[in-house]
N, C-alpha and C. Protein backbone atom coordinates (compact mmCIF):
# COMPACT_ATOMS: atom_id res chain seq x y z
N MET A 1 0.82 -1.19 0.00
CA MET A 1 0.00 0.00 0.00
C MET A 1 0.87 1.26 0.00
N ALA A 2 1.98 1.23 0.73
CA ALA A 2 2.84 2.41 0.81
C ALA A 2 3.33 2.87 -0.56
N PRO A 3 3.78 1.97 -1.43
CA PRO A 3 4.23 2.44 -2.75
C PRO A 3 3.11 3.11 -3.55
N LEU A 4 1.91 2.60 -3.43
CA LEU A 4 0.79 3.19 -4.15
C LEU A 4 0.47 4.58 -3.62
N ILE A 5 0.46 4.74 -2.32
CA ILE A 5 0.19 6.05 -1.74
C ILE A 5 1.32 7.02 -2.10
N ASP A 6 2.55 6.54 -2.10
CA ASP A 6 3.68 7.39 -2.52
C ASP A 6 3.49 7.84 -3.97
N GLU A 7 3.03 6.94 -4.81
CA GLU A 7 2.78 7.27 -6.22
C GLU A 7 1.70 8.34 -6.34
N LEU A 8 0.63 8.19 -5.58
CA LEU A 8 -0.45 9.18 -5.62
C LEU A 8 0.05 10.54 -5.15
N GLU A 9 0.83 10.55 -4.08
CA GLU A 9 1.36 11.81 -3.56
C GLU A 9 2.31 12.46 -4.57
N ALA A 10 3.07 11.65 -5.29
CA ALA A 10 3.97 12.19 -6.32
C ALA A 10 3.18 12.84 -7.45
N GLN A 11 1.95 12.38 -7.65
CA GLN A 11 1.07 12.95 -8.68
C GLN A 11 0.33 14.18 -8.17
N GLY A 12 0.59 14.57 -6.93
CA GLY A 12 -0.05 15.74 -6.36
C GLY A 12 -1.34 15.45 -5.62
N ILE A 13 -1.64 14.18 -5.44
CA ILE A 13 -2.84 13.78 -4.71
C ILE A 13 -2.42 13.60 -3.26
N THR A 14 -2.70 14.63 -2.44
CA THR A 14 -2.15 14.61 -1.09
C THR A 14 -3.19 14.66 0.03
N SER A 15 -4.38 15.15 -0.24
CA SER A 15 -5.37 15.20 0.84
C SER A 15 -5.94 13.81 1.09
N LEU A 16 -6.41 13.60 2.29
CA LEU A 16 -6.97 12.29 2.65
C LEU A 16 -8.16 11.94 1.76
N GLY A 17 -9.00 12.92 1.52
CA GLY A 17 -10.17 12.69 0.67
C GLY A 17 -9.79 12.35 -0.76
N ALA A 18 -8.79 13.05 -1.27
CA ALA A 18 -8.36 12.80 -2.65
C ALA A 18 -7.70 11.43 -2.78
N ILE A 19 -6.94 11.04 -1.76
CA ILE A 19 -6.32 9.70 -1.79
C ILE A 19 -7.40 8.64 -1.74
N ALA A 20 -8.40 8.82 -0.87
CA ALA A 20 -9.50 7.87 -0.78
C ALA A 20 -10.23 7.76 -2.12
N GLN A 21 -10.49 8.89 -2.74
CA GLN A 21 -11.18 8.89 -4.02
C GLN A 21 -10.35 8.17 -5.08
N ALA A 22 -9.05 8.42 -5.10
CA ALA A 22 -8.18 7.77 -6.09
C ALA A 22 -8.15 6.26 -5.89
N LEU A 23 -8.08 5.82 -4.65
CA LEU A 23 -8.08 4.38 -4.38
C LEU A 23 -9.40 3.75 -4.82
N ASN A 24 -10.50 4.44 -4.55
CA ASN A 24 -11.81 3.92 -4.97
C ASN A 24 -11.94 3.90 -6.48
N GLU A 25 -11.43 4.93 -7.15
CA GLU A 25 -11.48 4.97 -8.62
C GLU A 25 -10.67 3.84 -9.23
N ARG A 26 -9.60 3.46 -8.57
CA ARG A 26 -8.77 2.34 -9.05
C ARG A 26 -9.31 0.99 -8.60
N GLU A 27 -10.45 1.04 -7.91
CA GLU A 27 -11.13 -0.16 -7.42
C GLU A 27 -10.24 -1.01 -6.52
N ILE A 28 -9.49 -0.33 -5.66
CA ILE A 28 -8.66 -1.00 -4.67
C ILE A 28 -9.47 -1.06 -3.38
N PRO A 29 -9.85 -2.25 -2.95
CA PRO A 29 -10.71 -2.35 -1.76
C PRO A 29 -9.92 -2.16 -0.46
N THR A 30 -10.64 -1.83 0.58
CA THR A 30 -10.04 -1.78 1.91
C THR A 30 -9.77 -3.21 2.36
N ALA A 31 -9.18 -3.36 3.52
CA ALA A 31 -8.89 -4.69 4.05
C ALA A 31 -10.15 -5.53 4.21
N ARG A 32 -11.26 -4.86 4.47
CA ARG A 32 -12.53 -5.57 4.63
C ARG A 32 -13.34 -5.62 3.34
N GLY A 33 -12.75 -5.15 2.26
CA GLY A 33 -13.41 -5.24 0.97
C GLY A 33 -14.34 -4.09 0.63
N GLY A 34 -14.29 -3.02 1.41
CA GLY A 34 -15.19 -1.89 1.18
C GLY A 34 -14.53 -0.74 0.45
N LYS A 35 -15.20 0.39 0.50
CA LYS A 35 -14.72 1.62 -0.13
C LYS A 35 -13.86 2.40 0.87
N TRP A 36 -12.92 3.16 0.33
CA TRP A 36 -12.05 3.99 1.15
C TRP A 36 -12.75 5.27 1.57
N THR A 37 -12.48 5.69 2.80
CA THR A 37 -12.92 6.99 3.30
C THR A 37 -11.67 7.73 3.79
N PRO A 38 -11.77 9.04 3.95
CA PRO A 38 -10.59 9.77 4.44
C PRO A 38 -10.06 9.25 5.78
N ILE A 39 -10.94 8.87 6.69
CA ILE A 39 -10.47 8.39 7.99
C ILE A 39 -9.73 7.06 7.84
N GLN A 40 -10.17 6.21 6.92
CA GLN A 40 -9.46 4.95 6.69
C GLN A 40 -8.07 5.21 6.12
N VAL A 41 -7.98 6.19 5.23
CA VAL A 41 -6.67 6.56 4.68
C VAL A 41 -5.77 7.07 5.81
N SER A 42 -6.33 7.90 6.67
CA SER A 42 -5.58 8.44 7.80
C SER A 42 -5.04 7.32 8.69
N ARG A 43 -5.88 6.38 9.01
CA ARG A 43 -5.46 5.26 9.87
C ARG A 43 -4.40 4.41 9.18
N THR A 44 -4.55 4.21 7.88
CA THR A 44 -3.57 3.43 7.13
C THR A 44 -2.22 4.14 7.12
N LEU A 45 -2.23 5.45 6.88
CA LEU A 45 -0.99 6.22 6.89
C LEU A 45 -0.33 6.16 8.26
N TYR A 46 -1.13 6.22 9.31
CA TYR A 46 -0.59 6.13 10.67
C TYR A 46 0.09 4.78 10.88
N ARG A 47 -0.58 3.72 10.46
CA ARG A 47 0.00 2.38 10.64
C ARG A 47 1.28 2.21 9.82
N LEU A 48 1.31 2.79 8.64
CA LEU A 48 2.50 2.68 7.80
C LEU A 48 3.68 3.47 8.36
N SER A 49 3.39 4.50 9.16
CA SER A 49 4.46 5.35 9.67
C SER A 49 5.12 4.79 10.93
N ARG A 50 4.56 3.74 11.50
CA ARG A 50 5.14 3.17 12.73
C ARG A 50 6.42 2.44 12.45
């Protein structure tokens, strides 16, 4: 997931909402198979930063 988020940020997609939208547009499901929301992106970024 980290490389994909890095790629999005390199394209200028930096807000949580924009990242969530981009992941949903690419049809990348969450861990539970659902749609991305900004809070889920935030939690994922937090987990990746540990």
